[in-house]
Amino acid sequence: MSPPRPATRIQARNRAAILDAALDVFSAQGFRGATVDQIAAAAGLSKPNLLYYFPSKEAIHNALLEQLLDTWLAPLRALDPDGDPLQELLAYVQRKLEMSRDYPRESRLFANEIVQGAPRIHGALSTDLKSLVDDKTRVIRTWIEAGRINRVHPYHLIFSIWSLTQHYADFDVQIRAVLDDEDPFDAAPDFIDTLYRRLLTPP
């Protein structure tokens, strides 16, 4: 059996357009509220054309979530056990904040999936995500026992980083309503750095 032919430039462009449009629709409407018709219209394609690339709304959503999980876990994977503990953790915090700034749609897509009970990614959460977090909490515990960072609960440290940084994407409308014309990402990096630096620096 011969291998599948590589996608043509037009096919690759259309597939990318569909995924980009779907990200807009899913992050705004959630999985249940989104329709194939909405995604096709946003991508500038007919519905039959879209269905040539993806057979269903579920297939598009799953493709986005697959992409997203890789992107989402990359900053935690980058935490270096051999690096300076404080600098590694502060760099992780800043990478997560940058992701909220640069990938707000992806953050809201992920939040929508979690709020619904993670029906499409529960397996990945309990395997890939859990394994990675378990590994990095062991690293953090090693740093704590060596006296290189303050004593904190490793899991709750990671949870707090997720919740604090992703708030800027998931609650963007609320934040901007309160701040008026101020860009939230002007002051957030220094504030969050100071917060975690004080928390993690040993006495």
C-alpha atoms as a PDB file:
ATOM      1  CA  MET A   1       0.000   0.000   0.000  1.00  0.00           C
ATOM      2  CA  SER A   2       1.500   3.322  -1.073  1.00  0.00           C
ATOM      3  CA  PRO A   3       1.904   6.087   1.536  1.00  0.00           C
ATOM      4  CA  PRO A   4      -0.658   8.941   1.462  1.00  0.00           C
ATOM      5  CA  ARG A   5       0.243  11.854  -0.781  1.00  0.00           C
ATOM      6  CA  PRO A   6       1.454  14.981   1.007  1.00  0.00           C
ATOM      7  CA  ALA A   7      -1.079  17.789   1.153  1.00  0.00           C
ATOM      8  CA  THR A   8      -0.911  20.350  -1.620  1.00  0.00           C
ATOM      9  CA  ARG A   9      -0.283  23.982  -0.767  1.00  0.00           C
ATOM     10  CA  ILE A  10      -3.995  24.774  -1.195  1.00  0.00           C
ATOM     11  CA  GLN A  11      -5.009  21.847   1.016  1.00  0.00           C
ATOM     12  CA  ALA A  12      -2.557  22.889   3.719  1.00  0.00           C
ATOM     13  CA  ARG A  13      -3.792  26.484   3.506  1.00  0.00           C
ATOM     14  CA  ASN A  14      -7.443  25.430   3.741  1.00  0.00           C
ATOM     15  CA  ARG A  15      -6.798  23.119   6.669  1.00  0.00           C
ATOM     16  CA  ALA A  16      -4.962  25.904   8.512  1.00  0.00           C
ATOM     17  CA  ALA A  17      -7.805  28.338   7.735  1.00  0.00           C
ATOM     18  CA  ILE A  18     -10.365  25.886   9.112  1.00  0.00           C
ATOM     19  CA  LEU A  19      -8.433  25.352  12.352  1.00  0.00           C
ATOM     20  CA  ASP A  20      -7.867  29.084  12.830  1.00  0.00           C
ATOM     21  CA  ALA A  21     -11.546  29.850  12.214  1.00  0.00           C
ATOM     22  CA  ALA A  22     -12.602  26.995  14.499  1.00  0.00           C
ATOM     23  CA  LEU A  23     -10.392  28.353  17.258  1.00  0.00           C
ATOM     24  CA  ASP A  24     -12.260  31.662  17.049  1.00  0.00           C
ATOM     25  CA  VAL A  25     -15.663  29.968  17.062  1.00  0.00           C
ATOM     26  CA  PHE A  26     -14.970  27.371  19.763  1.00  0.00           C
ATOM     27  CA  SER A  27     -13.248  29.841  22.104  1.00  0.00           C
ATOM     28  CA  ALA A  28     -16.221  32.206  21.812  1.00  0.00           C
ATOM     29  CA  GLN A  29     -19.140  29.739  21.644  1.00  0.00           C
ATOM     30  CA  GLY A  30     -17.806  26.644  23.397  1.00  0.00           C
ATOM     31  CA  PHE A  31     -18.090  23.192  21.867  1.00  0.00           C
ATOM     32  CA  ARG A  32     -21.854  22.936  22.251  1.00  0.00           C
ATOM     33  CA  GLY A  33     -22.589  26.388  20.860  1.00  0.00           C
ATOM     34  CA  ALA A  34     -20.305  26.081  17.835  1.00  0.00           C
ATOM     35  CA  THR A  35     -21.575  24.720  14.514  1.00  0.00           C
ATOM     36  CA  VAL A  36     -19.894  23.494  11.353  1.00  0.00           C
ATOM     37  CA  ASP A  37     -21.747  26.221   9.443  1.00  0.00           C
ATOM     38  CA  GLN A  38     -20.248  28.925  11.666  1.00  0.00           C
ATOM     39  CA  ILE A  39     -16.742  27.496  11.251  1.00  0.00           C
ATOM     40  CA  ALA A  40     -17.098  27.187   7.472  1.00  0.00           C
ATOM     41  CA  ALA A  41     -18.345  30.788   7.195  1.00  0.00           C
ATOM     42  CA  ALA A  42     -15.471  32.063   9.366  1.00  0.00           C
ATOM     43  CA  ALA A  43     -12.967  30.110   7.245  1.00  0.00           C
ATOM     44  CA  GLY A  44     -14.443  31.434   3.995  1.00  0.00           C
ATOM     45  CA  LEU A  45     -15.261  27.931   2.767  1.00  0.00           C
ATOM     46  CA  SER A  46     -18.450  26.099   1.889  1.00  0.00           C
ATOM     47  CA  LYS A  47     -19.674  23.499   4.367  1.00  0.00           C
ATOM     48  CA  PRO A  48     -19.048  20.590   1.900  1.00  0.00           C
ATOM     49  CA  ASN A  49     -15.521  21.904   1.332  1.00  0.00           C
ATOM     50  CA  LEU A  50     -14.870  22.004   5.073  1.00  0.00           C
ATOM     51  CA  LEU A  51     -16.211  18.473   5.501  1.00  0.00           C
ATOM     52  CA  TYR A  52     -13.720  17.279   2.889  1.00  0.00           C
ATOM     53  CA  TYR A  53     -10.957  18.113   5.388  1.00  0.00           C
ATOM     54  CA  PHE A  54     -12.733  17.259   8.639  1.00  0.00           C
ATOM     55  CA  PRO A  55     -15.722  14.884   8.753  1.00  0.00           C
ATOM     56  CA  SER A  56     -17.351  16.512  11.793  1.00  0.00           C
ATOM     57  CA  LYS A  57     -17.264  19.273  14.375  1.00  0.00           C
ATOM     58  CA  GLU A  58     -15.776  16.744  16.806  1.00  0.00           C
ATOM     59  CA  ALA A  59     -12.873  16.025  14.438  1.00  0.00           C
ATOM     60  CA  ILE A  60     -12.019  19.733  14.184  1.00  0.00           C
ATOM     61  CA  HIS A  61     -12.247  20.197  17.940  1.00  0.00           C
ATOM     62  CA  ASN A  62     -10.067  17.151  18.599  1.00  0.00           C
ATOM     63  CA  ALA A  63      -7.421  18.411  16.153  1.00  0.00           C
ATOM     64  CA  LEU A  64      -7.325  21.752  17.987  1.00  0.00           C
ATOM     65  CA  LEU A  65      -7.076  20.116  21.406  1.00  0.00           C
ATOM     66  CA  GLU A  66      -4.240  17.862  20.254  1.00  0.00           C
ATOM     67  CA  GLN A  67      -2.306  20.899  19.030  1.00  0.00           C
ATOM     68  CA  LEU A  68      -3.155  22.809  22.173  1.00  0.00           C
ATOM     69  CA  LEU A  69      -1.958  20.197  24.643  1.00  0.00           C
ATOM     70  CA  ASP A  70       1.491  20.134  23.070  1.00  0.00           C
ATOM     71  CA  THR A  71       1.692  23.936  23.200  1.00  0.00           C
ATOM     72  CA  TRP A  72       0.254  24.114  26.707  1.00  0.00           C
ATOM     73  CA  LEU A  73       2.653  21.615  28.253  1.00  0.00           C
ATOM     74  CA  ALA A  74       5.802  22.957  26.573  1.00  0.00           C
ATOM     75  CA  PRO A  75       6.649  25.605  29.239  1.00  0.00           C
ATOM     76  CA  LEU A  76       6.425  23.059  32.072  1.00  0.00           C
ATOM     77  CA  ARG A  77       8.502  20.557  30.112  1.00  0.00           C
ATOM     78  CA  ALA A  78      11.163  23.285  29.788  1.00  0.00           C
ATOM     79  CA  LEU A  79      11.637  23.469  33.592  1.00  0.00           C
ATOM     80  CA  ASP A  80      15.282  22.381  33.919  1.00  0.00           C
ATOM     81  CA  PRO A  81      16.182  20.290  37.002  1.00  0.00           C
ATOM     82  CA  ASP A  82      19.818  21.393  36.614  1.00  0.00           C
ATOM     83  CA  GLY A  83      19.044  25.114  36.393  1.00  0.00           C
ATOM     84  CA  ASP A  84      18.840  27.674  39.183  1.00  0.00           C
ATOM     85  CA  PRO A  85      15.538  26.805  40.951  1.00  0.00           C
ATOM     86  CA  LEU A  86      14.292  30.351  41.500  1.00  0.00           C
ATOM     87  CA  GLN A  87      15.136  31.452  37.983  1.00  0.00           C
ATOM     88  CA  GLU A  88      13.615  28.313  36.469  1.00  0.00           C
ATOM     89  CA  LEU A  89      10.326  28.808  38.305  1.00  0.00           C
ATOM     90  CA  LEU A  90      10.154  32.551  37.616  1.00  0.00           C
ATOM     91  CA  ALA A  91      10.860  31.887  33.938  1.00  0.00           C
ATOM     92  CA  TYR A  92       8.048  29.312  33.922  1.00  0.00           C
ATOM     93  CA  VAL A  93       5.651  31.875  35.395  1.00  0.00           C
ATOM     94  CA  GLN A  94       6.595  34.408  32.724  1.00  0.00           C
ATOM     95  CA  ARG A  95       6.255  31.862  29.907  1.00  0.00           C
ATOM     96  CA  LYS A  96       2.754  31.015  31.131  1.00  0.00           C
ATOM     97  CA  LEU A  97       1.844  34.709  31.285  1.00  0.00           C
ATOM     98  CA  GLU A  98       3.192  35.226  27.758  1.00  0.00           C
ATOM     99  CA  MET A  99       1.006  32.353  26.569  1.00  0.00           C
ATOM    100  CA  SER A 100      -2.072  34.091  27.986  1.00  0.00           C
ATOM    101  CA  ARG A 101      -1.042  37.224  26.121  1.00  0.00           C
ATOM    102  CA  ASP A 102      -0.163  35.499  22.843  1.00  0.00           C
ATOM    103  CA  TYR A 103      -2.676  32.615  22.829  1.00  0.00           C
ATOM    104  CA  PRO A 104      -5.867  33.857  24.523  1.00  0.00           C
ATOM    105  CA  ARG A 105      -8.146  31.863  22.219  1.00  0.00           C
ATOM    106  CA  GLU A 106      -6.310  28.658  23.021  1.00  0.00           C
ATOM    107  CA  SER A 107      -6.597  29.364  26.749  1.00  0.00           C
ATOM    108  CA  ARG A 108     -10.342  29.897  26.486  1.00  0.00           C
ATOM    109  CA  LEU A 109     -10.737  26.753  24.369  1.00  0.00           C
ATOM    110  CA  PHE A 110      -8.942  24.761  27.063  1.00  0.00           C
ATOM    111  CA  ALA A 111     -10.977  26.403  29.850  1.00  0.00           C
ATOM    112  CA  ASN A 112     -14.246  25.601  28.047  1.00  0.00           C
ATOM    113  CA  GLU A 113     -13.221  21.968  27.708  1.00  0.00           C
ATOM    114  CA  ILE A 114     -12.311  21.721  31.404  1.00  0.00           C
ATOM    115  CA  VAL A 115     -15.540  23.412  32.550  1.00  0.00           C
ATOM    116  CA  GLN A 116     -17.507  20.797  30.582  1.00  0.00           C
ATOM    117  CA  GLY A 117     -15.712  18.014  32.457  1.00  0.00           C
ATOM    118  CA  ALA A 118     -12.958  17.464  29.864  1.00  0.00           C
ATOM    119  CA  PRO A 119     -14.941  14.813  27.921  1.00  0.00           C
ATOM    120  CA  ARG A 120     -12.529  14.890  24.974  1.00  0.00           C
ATOM    121  CA  ILE A 121      -9.169  15.204  26.787  1.00  0.00           C
ATOM    122  CA  HIS A 122      -9.744  13.495  30.123  1.00  0.00           C
ATOM    123  CA  GLY A 123      -7.478  10.643  29.071  1.00  0.00           C
ATOM    124  CA  ALA A 124      -4.620  13.017  28.287  1.00  0.00           C
ATOM    125  CA  LEU A 125      -5.107  14.909  31.562  1.00  0.00           C
ATOM    126  CA  SER A 126      -4.871  11.731  33.629  1.00  0.00           C
ATOM    127  CA  THR A 127      -1.862  10.394  31.703  1.00  0.00           C
ATOM    128  CA  ASP A 128       0.355  12.920  29.849  1.00  0.00           C
ATOM    129  CA  LEU A 129      -0.459  15.930  32.027  1.00  0.00           C
ATOM    130  CA  LYS A 130      -0.394  14.044  35.325  1.00  0.00           C
ATOM    131  CA  SER A 131       2.874  12.306  34.483  1.00  0.00           C
ATOM    132  CA  LEU A 132       4.544  15.611  33.589  1.00  0.00           C
ATOM    133  CA  VAL A 133       3.249  17.412  36.682  1.00  0.00           C
ATOM    134  CA  ASP A 134       4.292  14.509  38.932  1.00  0.00           C
ATOM    135  CA  ASP A 135       7.777  14.636  37.434  1.00  0.00           C
ATOM    136  CA  LYS A 136       8.147  18.402  37.908  1.00  0.00           C
ATOM    137  CA  THR A 137       6.806  18.321  41.483  1.00  0.00           C
ATOM    138  CA  ARG A 138       9.551  15.804  42.304  1.00  0.00           C
ATOM    139  CA  VAL A 139      12.073  18.321  40.946  1.00  0.00           C
ATOM    140  CA  ILE A 140      10.530  21.102  43.042  1.00  0.00           C
ATOM    141  CA  ARG A 141      10.611  18.897  46.167  1.00  0.00           C
ATOM    142  CA  THR A 142      14.307  18.212  45.567  1.00  0.00           C
ATOM    143  CA  TRP A 143      14.960  21.966  45.408  1.00  0.00           C
ATOM    144  CA  ILE A 144      12.967  22.500  48.617  1.00  0.00           C
ATOM    145  CA  GLU A 145      14.799  19.756  50.511  1.00  0.00           C
ATOM    146  CA  ALA A 146      18.115  21.251  49.415  1.00  0.00           C
ATOM    147  CA  GLY A 147      17.039  24.617  50.822  1.00  0.00           C
ATOM    148  CA  ARG A 148      17.249  26.263  47.413  1.00  0.00           C
ATOM    149  CA  ILE A 149      13.678  27.573  47.444  1.00  0.00           C
ATOM    150  CA  ASN A 150      11.156  28.228  50.190  1.00  0.00           C
ATOM    151  CA  ARG A 151       8.918  25.436  51.480  1.00  0.00           C
ATOM    152  CA  VAL A 152       5.751  25.398  49.394  1.00  0.00           C
ATOM    153  CA  HIS A 153       3.298  22.695  48.342  1.00  0.00           C
ATOM    154  CA  PRO A 154       4.644  21.753  44.861  1.00  0.00           C
ATOM    155  CA  TYR A 155       1.292  20.833  43.314  1.00  0.00           C
ATOM    156  CA  HIS A 156      -0.476  23.906  44.627  1.00  0.00           C
ATOM    157  CA  LEU A 157       2.415  26.065  43.458  1.00  0.00           C
ATOM    158  CA  ILE A 158       1.838  24.799  39.907  1.00  0.00           C
ATOM    159  CA  PHE A 159      -1.950  25.174  40.233  1.00  0.00           C
ATOM    160  CA  SER A 160      -1.533  28.766  41.432  1.00  0.00           C
ATOM    161  CA  ILE A 161       0.718  29.595  38.479  1.00  0.00           C
ATOM    162  CA  TRP A 162      -1.847  28.170  36.078  1.00  0.00           C
ATOM    163  CA  SER A 163      -4.778  29.994  37.641  1.00  0.00           C
ATOM    164  CA  LEU A 164      -3.037  33.338  38.046  1.00  0.00           C
ATOM    165  CA  THR A 165      -1.502  33.534  34.585  1.00  0.00           C
ATOM    166  CA  GLN A 166      -4.424  32.049  32.640  1.00  0.00           C
ATOM    167  CA  HIS A 167      -6.827  34.456  34.338  1.00  0.00           C
ATOM    168  CA  TYR A 168      -5.449  37.172  32.045  1.00  0.00           C
ATOM    169  CA  ALA A 169      -6.712  35.258  28.995  1.00  0.00           C
ATOM    170  CA  ASP A 170      -9.880  33.642  30.334  1.00  0.00           C
ATOM    171  CA  PHE A 171     -11.158  36.806  32.055  1.00  0.00           C
ATOM    172  CA  ASP A 172      -9.707  39.286  29.581  1.00  0.00           C
ATOM    173  CA  VAL A 173     -12.992  41.211  29.159  1.00  0.00           C
ATOM    174  CA  GLN A 174     -13.386  41.670  32.919  1.00  0.00           C
ATOM    175  CA  ILE A 175      -9.767  42.767  33.390  1.00  0.00           C
ATOM    176  CA  ARG A 176      -9.886  45.289  30.544  1.00  0.00           C
ATOM    177  CA  ALA A 177     -13.215  46.677  31.799  1.00  0.00           C
ATOM    178  CA  VAL A 178     -11.589  47.420  35.162  1.00  0.00           C
ATOM    179  CA  LEU A 179      -8.306  48.776  33.773  1.00  0.00           C
ATOM    180  CA  ASP A 180      -9.896  51.006  31.104  1.00  0.00           C
ATOM    181  CA  ASP A 181      -7.114  51.896  28.656  1.00  0.00           C
ATOM    182  CA  GLU A 182      -4.238  50.267  30.545  1.00  0.00           C
ATOM    183  CA  ASP A 183      -2.814  47.154  28.891  1.00  0.00           C
ATOM    184  CA  PRO A 184      -2.887  44.453  31.590  1.00  0.00           C
ATOM    185  CA  PHE A 185       0.361  42.993  30.293  1.00  0.00           C
ATOM    186  CA  ASP A 186       2.265  46.236  30.970  1.00  0.00           C
ATOM    187  CA  ALA A 187       2.325  45.772  34.749  1.00  0.00           C
ATOM    188  CA  ALA A 188       1.482  42.078  35.144  1.00  0.00           C
ATOM    189  CA  PRO A 189       4.976  40.651  34.440  1.00  0.00           C
ATOM    190  CA  ASP A 190       6.688  42.707  37.189  1.00  0.00           C
ATOM    191  CA  PHE A 191       3.854  42.207  39.671  1.00  0.00           C
ATOM    192  CA  ILE A 192       3.774  38.441  39.206  1.00  0.00           C
ATOM    193  CA  ASP A 193       7.568  38.165  39.276  1.00  0.00           C
ATOM    194  CA  THR A 194       7.648  40.028  42.611  1.00  0.00           C
ATOM    195  CA  LEU A 195       4.843  37.865  44.011  1.00  0.00           C
ATOM    196  CA  TYR A 196       6.532  34.546  43.230  1.00  0.00           C
ATOM    197  CA  ARG A 197      10.035  35.804  43.986  1.00  0.00           C
ATOM    198  CA  ARG A 198       8.923  36.693  47.521  1.00  0.00           C
ATOM    199  CA  LEU A 199       7.066  33.411  47.913  1.00  0.00           C
ATOM    200  CA  LEU A 200       9.920  31.230  46.709  1.00  0.00           C
ATOM    201  CA  THR A 201      13.064  32.981  48.019  1.00  0.00           C
ATOM    202  CA  PRO A 202      14.311  31.122  51.119  1.00  0.00           C
ATOM    203  CA  PRO A 203      14.316  33.192  54.346  1.00  0.00           C
END
